[in-house]
Amino acid sequence: MWGRLAIMAPPAPLPLFGVILAGGSGTRFWPLSRSQYPKQVLRLLGSESLLQATCNRLLLRIPPERLAVVTSAAQADVIRLDLHRQGLTNVHLWLEPEGKNTAPAV
């Protein structure tokens, strides 16, 4: 097809999804962080927890129904409570049966 230029419409942008890895006990933050009070719910930078601040940054670009938090089953209740305190009730919570570092969570 020499001499002819095929004009194609640009592809439609794919929807963005956000996944936050919120596992681990945060032993470097001890004694602030413990197994039942993980580092993700610490308020180190103001009134928001680290998890709330991360969610709110992502929610500037992604609707809550396309945002998921991956955490351990042992920390699910405290993570869920932290999300609800910020009004983040539509965020998905995915649970790992046991912590195996980052790769299995992904």
Foldseek 3Di string as FASTA:
>chain_A
DPPDDDDDDDDDDDADAAEAEDEDQPPVPPPVTDLQRRQQQDDPPPDAGVVRVVVVVCCVRHPQLRYEYEYAPSHVVVVCVSCVVSVSNNHHYHHDPDDDPDVVSD
